[in-house]
């Protein structure tokens, strides 16, 4: 979803506009697959040369950071690291330095059991988690402003997992107590009973199954939001 603040007459609050982003276009898929290929192959290169890197492994639904190449089951690769966006993430720059050293036949900046490398891994994990939390809270606030401006009282939502649902037209996640067991992707109708923009909470109740049927919920969404 993309968020916009549309101008309003002087003295009035700008209007929040939320627009679904097109997902899985051909271009997006090509870029994503090439990034996975590069990140996996560079990780394999470091592993073949017994050079540590900062890998991301997913096994049994759990993602963790490691200095050794381990499988990423969600992506279906034997090893995976972030290395294609050094301008966006410092960990990518660290991994690229390791890769460049191997290709040049030089001693890599970080060796096995390097305390500085482990310190970088820990610091990055903490900051990345903090960034993710801030991003979620910011999006949640603007979703609540949108709900208030739309005077939304009844809306369609999609089941993400168990009792966690998301509005169809906005990335607003919340839990529905007493929700019957539905498969992820089931569209339902909910009544929004109240919202709080300070603690970012939503009070809602299940009304009925929507006539529209199913909506795709991808693996990342099903594992990610936990509001």
C-alpha atoms as a PDB file:
ATOM      1  CA  UNK A   1       0.000   0.000   0.000  1.00  0.00           C
ATOM      2  CA  UNK A   2       1.064   3.584  -0.681  1.00  0.00           C
ATOM      3  CA  UNK A   3       0.056   6.488   1.565  1.00  0.00           C
ATOM      4  CA  UNK A   4      -0.695  10.029   0.387  1.00  0.00           C
ATOM      5  CA  UNK A   5      -1.815  13.236   2.083  1.00  0.00           C
ATOM      6  CA  UNK A   6      -4.052  15.147  -0.311  1.00  0.00           C
ATOM      7  CA  UNK A   7      -4.324  18.934   0.105  1.00  0.00           C
ATOM      8  CA  UNK A   8      -7.431  20.239   1.817  1.00  0.00           C
ATOM      9  CA  UNK A   9      -8.966  23.722   2.040  1.00  0.00           C
ATOM     10  CA  UNK A  10      -7.075  26.086   4.321  1.00  0.00           C
ATOM     11  CA  UNK A  11      -7.670  25.332   7.970  1.00  0.00           C
ATOM     12  CA  UNK A  12      -8.760  21.748   7.320  1.00  0.00           C
ATOM     13  CA  UNK A  13      -6.838  18.542   7.861  1.00  0.00           C
ATOM     14  CA  UNK A  14      -5.211  16.959   4.778  1.00  0.00           C
ATOM     15  CA  UNK A  15      -7.035  13.864   3.592  1.00  0.00           C
ATOM     16  CA  UNK A  16      -5.319  10.508   3.921  1.00  0.00           C
ATOM     17  CA  UNK A  17      -5.411   8.432   0.749  1.00  0.00           C
ATOM     18  CA  UNK A  18      -4.340   4.784   0.748  1.00  0.00           C
ATOM     19  CA  UNK A  19      -3.706   3.114  -2.589  1.00  0.00           C
ATOM     20  CA  UNK A  20      -2.959  -0.599  -3.052  1.00  0.00           C
ATOM     21  CA  UNK A  21       0.328  -1.160  -4.834  1.00  0.00           C
ATOM     22  CA  UNK A  22       0.347  -3.563  -7.721  1.00  0.00           C
ATOM     23  CA  UNK A  23       2.055  -6.708  -6.554  1.00  0.00           C
ATOM     24  CA  UNK A  24       4.023  -9.295  -8.459  1.00  0.00           C
ATOM     25  CA  UNK A  25       4.281  -7.440 -11.750  1.00  0.00           C
ATOM     26  CA  UNK A  26       6.663  -8.975 -14.269  1.00  0.00           C
ATOM     27  CA  UNK A  27       9.301  -6.302 -13.601  1.00  0.00           C
ATOM     28  CA  UNK A  28       9.028  -6.676  -9.819  1.00  0.00           C
ATOM     29  CA  UNK A  29       9.345 -10.447 -10.127  1.00  0.00           C
ATOM     30  CA  UNK A  30      12.440 -10.191 -12.340  1.00  0.00           C
ATOM     31  CA  UNK A  31      14.152  -7.790  -9.911  1.00  0.00           C
ATOM     32  CA  UNK A  32      13.231  -9.922  -6.890  1.00  0.00           C
ATOM     33  CA  UNK A  33      14.398 -13.178  -8.464  1.00  0.00           C
ATOM     34  CA  UNK A  34      17.685 -11.672  -9.631  1.00  0.00           C
ATOM     35  CA  UNK A  35      18.307 -10.276  -6.136  1.00  0.00           C
ATOM     36  CA  UNK A  36      17.642 -13.694  -4.595  1.00  0.00           C
ATOM     37  CA  UNK A  37      20.003 -15.293  -7.121  1.00  0.00           C
ATOM     38  CA  UNK A  38      22.792 -12.790  -6.439  1.00  0.00           C
ATOM     39  CA  UNK A  39      22.392 -12.937  -2.660  1.00  0.00           C
ATOM     40  CA  UNK A  40      22.348 -16.728  -2.694  1.00  0.00           C
ATOM     41  CA  UNK A  41      25.319 -17.112  -5.043  1.00  0.00           C
ATOM     42  CA  UNK A  42      27.460 -14.557  -3.217  1.00  0.00           C
ATOM     43  CA  UNK A  43      26.649 -16.399  -0.009  1.00  0.00           C
ATOM     44  CA  UNK A  44      27.733 -19.661  -1.628  1.00  0.00           C
ATOM     45  CA  UNK A  45      30.957 -18.014  -2.804  1.00  0.00           C
ATOM     46  CA  UNK A  46      31.857 -16.997   0.744  1.00  0.00           C
ATOM     47  CA  UNK A  47      30.956 -20.441   2.048  1.00  0.00           C
ATOM     48  CA  UNK A  48      33.092 -22.179  -0.585  1.00  0.00           C
ATOM     49  CA  UNK A  49      36.050 -20.036   0.489  1.00  0.00           C
ATOM     50  CA  UNK A  50      35.333 -20.565   4.202  1.00  0.00           C
ATOM     51  CA  UNK A  51      34.830 -16.843   4.658  1.00  0.00           C
ATOM     52  CA  UNK A  52      32.185 -15.631   7.113  1.00  0.00           C
ATOM     53  CA  UNK A  53      29.369 -13.322   6.133  1.00  0.00           C
ATOM     54  CA  UNK A  54      26.108 -12.118   7.600  1.00  0.00           C
ATOM     55  CA  UNK A  55      23.492 -14.621   6.461  1.00  0.00           C
ATOM     56  CA  UNK A  56      19.753 -14.777   6.958  1.00  0.00           C
ATOM     57  CA  UNK A  57      18.462 -18.286   7.555  1.00  0.00           C
ATOM     58  CA  UNK A  58      14.866 -19.440   7.799  1.00  0.00           C
ATOM     59  CA  UNK A  59      14.117 -22.870   9.202  1.00  0.00           C
ATOM     60  CA  UNK A  60      10.895 -24.106  10.780  1.00  0.00           C
ATOM     61  CA  UNK A  61       9.318 -20.697  10.193  1.00  0.00           C
ATOM     62  CA  UNK A  62      11.974 -18.863  12.225  1.00  0.00           C
ATOM     63  CA  UNK A  63      14.348 -16.307  10.718  1.00  0.00           C
ATOM     64  CA  UNK A  64      17.719 -15.764  12.330  1.00  0.00           C
ATOM     65  CA  UNK A  65      21.020 -14.104  11.510  1.00  0.00           C
ATOM     66  CA  UNK A  66      24.142 -16.248  11.347  1.00  0.00           C
ATOM     67  CA  UNK A  67      27.744 -15.938  10.192  1.00  0.00           C
ATOM     68  CA  UNK A  68      27.607 -19.340   8.480  1.00  0.00           C
ATOM     69  CA  UNK A  69      25.642 -20.348   5.347  1.00  0.00           C
ATOM     70  CA  UNK A  70      22.409 -22.087   6.335  1.00  0.00           C
ATOM     71  CA  UNK A  71      19.246 -22.796   4.299  1.00  0.00           C
ATOM     72  CA  UNK A  72      16.476 -20.269   3.791  1.00  0.00           C
ATOM     73  CA  UNK A  73      13.424 -22.479   3.432  1.00  0.00           C
ATOM     74  CA  UNK A  74      11.061 -19.641   2.558  1.00  0.00           C
ATOM     75  CA  UNK A  75      13.115 -18.729  -0.512  1.00  0.00           C
ATOM     76  CA  UNK A  76      14.127 -22.291  -1.305  1.00  0.00           C
ATOM     77  CA  UNK A  77      17.877 -21.636  -1.387  1.00  0.00           C
ATOM     78  CA  UNK A  78      20.786 -23.333   0.365  1.00  0.00           C
ATOM     79  CA  UNK A  79      22.053 -20.026   1.751  1.00  0.00           C
ATOM     80  CA  UNK A  80      20.970 -16.402   1.626  1.00  0.00           C
ATOM     81  CA  UNK A  81      22.483 -13.074   2.592  1.00  0.00           C
ATOM     82  CA  UNK A  82      21.673  -9.418   2.034  1.00  0.00           C
ATOM     83  CA  UNK A  83      24.335  -7.989  -0.267  1.00  0.00           C
ATOM     84  CA  UNK A  84      22.619  -6.236  -3.186  1.00  0.00           C
ATOM     85  CA  UNK A  85      21.659  -2.938  -1.500  1.00  0.00           C
ATOM     86  CA  UNK A  86      24.771  -1.446   0.166  1.00  0.00           C
ATOM     87  CA  UNK A  87      23.348   2.083  -0.085  1.00  0.00           C
ATOM     88  CA  UNK A  88      20.286   1.021   1.906  1.00  0.00           C
ATOM     89  CA  UNK A  89      21.652  -1.443   4.476  1.00  0.00           C
ATOM     90  CA  UNK A  90      25.061  -1.450   6.133  1.00  0.00           C
ATOM     91  CA  UNK A  91      25.004  -5.240   6.412  1.00  0.00           C
ATOM     92  CA  UNK A  92      25.011  -5.413   2.586  1.00  0.00           C
ATOM     93  CA  UNK A  93      28.171  -3.297   2.535  1.00  0.00           C
ATOM     94  CA  UNK A  94      29.826  -5.630   5.045  1.00  0.00           C
ATOM     95  CA  UNK A  95      28.973  -8.644   2.899  1.00  0.00           C
ATOM     96  CA  UNK A  96      30.169  -6.951  -0.283  1.00  0.00           C
ATOM     97  CA  UNK A  97      33.515  -6.204   1.360  1.00  0.00           C
ATOM     98  CA  UNK A  98      33.862  -9.899   2.168  1.00  0.00           C
ATOM     99  CA  UNK A  99      32.914 -10.902  -1.390  1.00  0.00           C
ATOM    100  CA  UNK A 100      35.304  -8.392  -2.994  1.00  0.00           C
ATOM    101  CA  UNK A 101      38.159  -9.601  -0.810  1.00  0.00           C
ATOM    102  CA  UNK A 102      37.553 -13.208  -1.879  1.00  0.00           C
ATOM    103  CA  UNK A 103      37.388 -12.250  -5.563  1.00  0.00           C
ATOM    104  CA  UNK A 104      40.597 -10.227  -5.262  1.00  0.00           C
ATOM    105  CA  UNK A 105      42.381 -13.015  -3.412  1.00  0.00           C
ATOM    106  CA  UNK A 106      42.908 -10.760  -0.408  1.00  0.00           C
ATOM    107  CA  UNK A 107      42.413 -11.266   3.292  1.00  0.00           C
ATOM    108  CA  UNK A 108      38.768 -10.492   4.132  1.00  0.00           C
ATOM    109  CA  UNK A 109      38.043  -7.694   6.619  1.00  0.00           C
ATOM    110  CA  UNK A 110      36.336 -10.126   9.011  1.00  0.00           C
ATOM    111  CA  UNK A 111      37.563 -13.593   9.971  1.00  0.00           C
ATOM    112  CA  UNK A 112      35.741 -16.478  11.660  1.00  0.00           C
ATOM    113  CA  UNK A 113      34.672 -15.712  15.238  1.00  0.00           C
ATOM    114  CA  UNK A 114      35.525 -12.047  14.711  1.00  0.00           C
ATOM    115  CA  UNK A 115      34.115 -10.107  17.666  1.00  0.00           C
ATOM    116  CA  UNK A 116      33.567  -7.024  15.509  1.00  0.00           C
ATOM    117  CA  UNK A 117      31.518  -9.025  12.994  1.00  0.00           C
ATOM    118  CA  UNK A 118      29.301 -10.431  15.746  1.00  0.00           C
ATOM    119  CA  UNK A 119      28.924  -6.929  17.162  1.00  0.00           C
ATOM    120  CA  UNK A 120      27.812  -5.667  13.744  1.00  0.00           C
ATOM    121  CA  UNK A 121      25.300  -8.506  13.457  1.00  0.00           C
ATOM    122  CA  UNK A 122      23.817  -7.736  16.860  1.00  0.00           C
ATOM    123  CA  UNK A 123      23.660  -3.982  16.279  1.00  0.00           C
ATOM    124  CA  UNK A 124      22.068  -4.387  12.864  1.00  0.00           C
ATOM    125  CA  UNK A 125      19.449  -6.800  14.191  1.00  0.00           C
ATOM    126  CA  UNK A 126      18.455  -4.360  16.928  1.00  0.00           C
ATOM    127  CA  UNK A 127      18.260  -1.361  14.608  1.00  0.00           C
ATOM    128  CA  UNK A 128      16.422  -3.291  11.905  1.00  0.00           C
ATOM    129  CA  UNK A 129      13.836  -4.443  14.440  1.00  0.00           C
ATOM    130  CA  UNK A 130      13.436  -0.873  15.719  1.00  0.00           C
ATOM    131  CA  UNK A 131      13.002   0.411  12.165  1.00  0.00           C
ATOM    132  CA  UNK A 132      10.394  -2.252  11.425  1.00  0.00           C
ATOM    133  CA  UNK A 133       8.482  -1.376  14.590  1.00  0.00           C
ATOM    134  CA  UNK A 134       8.536   2.338  13.749  1.00  0.00           C
ATOM    135  CA  UNK A 135       7.364   1.645  10.199  1.00  0.00           C
ATOM    136  CA  UNK A 136       4.476  -0.488  11.429  1.00  0.00           C
ATOM    137  CA  UNK A 137       3.397   2.073  14.024  1.00  0.00           C
ATOM    138  CA  UNK A 138       3.577   4.932  11.515  1.00  0.00           C
ATOM    139  CA  UNK A 139       1.479   3.044   8.958  1.00  0.00           C
ATOM    140  CA  UNK A 140      -0.960   2.027  11.671  1.00  0.00           C
ATOM    141  CA  UNK A 141      -1.453   5.637  12.778  1.00  0.00           C
ATOM    142  CA  UNK A 142      -2.242   6.829   9.257  1.00  0.00           C
ATOM    143  CA  UNK A 143      -4.582   3.882   8.758  1.00  0.00           C
ATOM    144  CA  UNK A 144      -6.486   4.946  11.865  1.00  0.00           C
ATOM    145  CA  UNK A 145      -6.639   8.536  10.607  1.00  0.00           C
ATOM    146  CA  UNK A 146      -8.001   7.195   7.317  1.00  0.00           C
ATOM    147  CA  UNK A 147     -10.650   5.154   9.154  1.00  0.00           C
ATOM    148  CA  UNK A 148     -11.702   8.258  11.104  1.00  0.00           C
ATOM    149  CA  UNK A 149     -11.832  10.476   8.019  1.00  0.00           C
ATOM    150  CA  UNK A 150     -13.836   7.886   6.103  1.00  0.00           C
ATOM    151  CA  UNK A 151     -16.176   7.489   9.099  1.00  0.00           C
ATOM    152  CA  UNK A 152     -15.765   3.770   8.537  1.00  0.00           C
ATOM    153  CA  UNK A 153     -18.120   1.687  10.634  1.00  0.00           C
ATOM    154  CA  UNK A 154     -18.484  -1.466   8.551  1.00  0.00           C
ATOM    155  CA  UNK A 155     -15.792  -2.805   6.248  1.00  0.00           C
ATOM    156  CA  UNK A 156     -14.449  -5.888   4.562  1.00  0.00           C
ATOM    157  CA  UNK A 157     -11.375  -7.570   5.979  1.00  0.00           C
ATOM    158  CA  UNK A 158      -9.267 -10.589   5.107  1.00  0.00           C
ATOM    159  CA  UNK A 159      -8.159 -13.299   7.518  1.00  0.00           C
ATOM    160  CA  UNK A 160      -4.361 -13.366   7.789  1.00  0.00           C
ATOM    161  CA  UNK A 161      -3.993 -16.159  10.329  1.00  0.00           C
ATOM    162  CA  UNK A 162      -6.095 -17.433  13.217  1.00  0.00           C
ATOM    163  CA  UNK A 163      -7.855 -14.350  14.691  1.00  0.00           C
ATOM    164  CA  UNK A 164      -5.595 -11.784  12.974  1.00  0.00           C
ATOM    165  CA  UNK A 165      -7.268  -9.879  10.136  1.00  0.00           C
ATOM    166  CA  UNK A 166      -6.467  -6.952   7.846  1.00  0.00           C
ATOM    167  CA  UNK A 167      -8.786  -4.473   6.200  1.00  0.00           C
ATOM    168  CA  UNK A 168      -9.084  -5.155   2.484  1.00  0.00           C
ATOM    169  CA  UNK A 169      -8.531  -1.501   1.559  1.00  0.00           C
ATOM    170  CA  UNK A 170      -5.787  -0.609   4.055  1.00  0.00           C
ATOM    171  CA  UNK A 171      -2.886  -2.341   5.850  1.00  0.00           C
ATOM    172  CA  UNK A 172      -4.648  -2.085   9.214  1.00  0.00           C
ATOM    173  CA  UNK A 173      -4.179  -5.317  11.164  1.00  0.00           C
ATOM    174  CA  UNK A 174      -6.118  -6.216  14.286  1.00  0.00           C
ATOM    175  CA  UNK A 175      -7.364  -9.238  16.175  1.00  0.00           C
ATOM    176  CA  UNK A 176     -10.991 -10.318  16.368  1.00  0.00           C
ATOM    177  CA  UNK A 177     -11.913 -12.102  19.574  1.00  0.00           C
ATOM    178  CA  UNK A 178     -14.209 -15.044  18.938  1.00  0.00           C
ATOM    179  CA  UNK A 179     -13.565 -15.141  15.200  1.00  0.00           C
ATOM    180  CA  UNK A 180     -14.559 -18.548  13.765  1.00  0.00           C
ATOM    181  CA  UNK A 181     -11.714 -20.570  12.297  1.00  0.00           C
ATOM    182  CA  UNK A 182     -11.189 -19.551   8.669  1.00  0.00           C
ATOM    183  CA  UNK A 183      -8.419 -20.300   6.215  1.00  0.00           C
ATOM    184  CA  UNK A 184      -6.034 -17.413   5.466  1.00  0.00           C
ATOM    185  CA  UNK A 185      -7.424 -15.275   2.667  1.00  0.00           C
ATOM    186  CA  UNK A 186     -11.099 -15.604   3.631  1.00  0.00           C
ATOM    187  CA  UNK A 187     -12.875 -12.274   3.192  1.00  0.00           C
ATOM    188  CA  UNK A 188     -15.181 -11.291   6.020  1.00  0.00           C
ATOM    189  CA  UNK A 189     -17.285  -8.323   7.082  1.00  0.00           C
ATOM    190  CA  UNK A 190     -16.462  -6.551  10.350  1.00  0.00           C
ATOM    191  CA  UNK A 191     -17.972  -3.744  12.381  1.00  0.00           C
ATOM    192  CA  UNK A 192     -15.419  -1.210  13.622  1.00  0.00           C
ATOM    193  CA  UNK A 193     -16.602  -0.280  17.102  1.00  0.00           C
ATOM    194  CA  UNK A 194     -13.828   2.129  18.011  1.00  0.00           C
ATOM    195  CA  UNK A 195     -10.226   3.192  17.466  1.00  0.00           C
ATOM    196  CA  UNK A 196      -7.599   4.949  19.573  1.00  0.00           C
ATOM    197  CA  UNK A 197      -4.896   6.933  17.802  1.00  0.00           C
ATOM    198  CA  UNK A 198      -2.781   7.196  20.957  1.00  0.00           C
ATOM    199  CA  UNK A 199      -2.363   3.517  21.736  1.00  0.00           C
ATOM    200  CA  UNK A 200      -3.086   2.587  18.085  1.00  0.00           C
ATOM    201  CA  UNK A 201      -5.769   0.090  19.055  1.00  0.00           C
ATOM    202  CA  UNK A 202      -8.833  -1.118  17.166  1.00  0.00           C
ATOM    203  CA  UNK A 203     -12.013  -2.586  18.609  1.00  0.00           C
ATOM    204  CA  UNK A 204     -14.046  -4.581  16.115  1.00  0.00           C
ATOM    205  CA  UNK A 205     -16.364  -7.559  15.818  1.00  0.00           C
ATOM    206  CA  UNK A 206     -17.057 -10.204  13.216  1.00  0.00           C
ATOM    207  CA  UNK A 207     -20.326  -9.810  11.297  1.00  0.00           C
ATOM    208  CA  UNK A 208     -20.380 -12.371   8.495  1.00  0.00           C
ATOM    209  CA  UNK A 209     -18.466 -13.993   5.670  1.00  0.00           C
ATOM    210  CA  UNK A 210     -18.163 -11.652   2.690  1.00  0.00           C
ATOM    211  CA  UNK A 211     -19.699 -12.648  -0.610  1.00  0.00           C
ATOM    212  CA  UNK A 212     -16.469 -11.923  -2.509  1.00  0.00           C
ATOM    213  CA  UNK A 213     -14.781 -15.093  -1.242  1.00  0.00           C
ATOM    214  CA  UNK A 214     -10.993 -15.420  -1.007  1.00  0.00           C
ATOM    215  CA  UNK A 215      -8.146 -12.914  -1.240  1.00  0.00           C
ATOM    216  CA  UNK A 216      -4.523 -13.971  -1.591  1.00  0.00           C
ATOM    217  CA  UNK A 217      -2.370 -13.702   1.541  1.00  0.00           C
ATOM    218  CA  UNK A 218       1.315 -14.228   0.831  1.00  0.00           C
ATOM    219  CA  UNK A 219       3.749 -16.096   3.078  1.00  0.00           C
ATOM    220  CA  UNK A 220       5.501 -12.955   4.316  1.00  0.00           C
ATOM    221  CA  UNK A 221       2.224 -11.367   5.407  1.00  0.00           C
ATOM    222  CA  UNK A 222       1.042 -14.568   7.069  1.00  0.00           C
ATOM    223  CA  UNK A 223       4.226 -14.756   9.145  1.00  0.00           C
ATOM    224  CA  UNK A 224       4.877 -11.059   9.692  1.00  0.00           C
ATOM    225  CA  UNK A 225       2.294  -8.740  11.279  1.00  0.00           C
ATOM    226  CA  UNK A 226       1.501  -9.498  14.871  1.00  0.00           C
ATOM    227  CA  UNK A 227      -0.781  -6.707  16.000  1.00  0.00           C
END
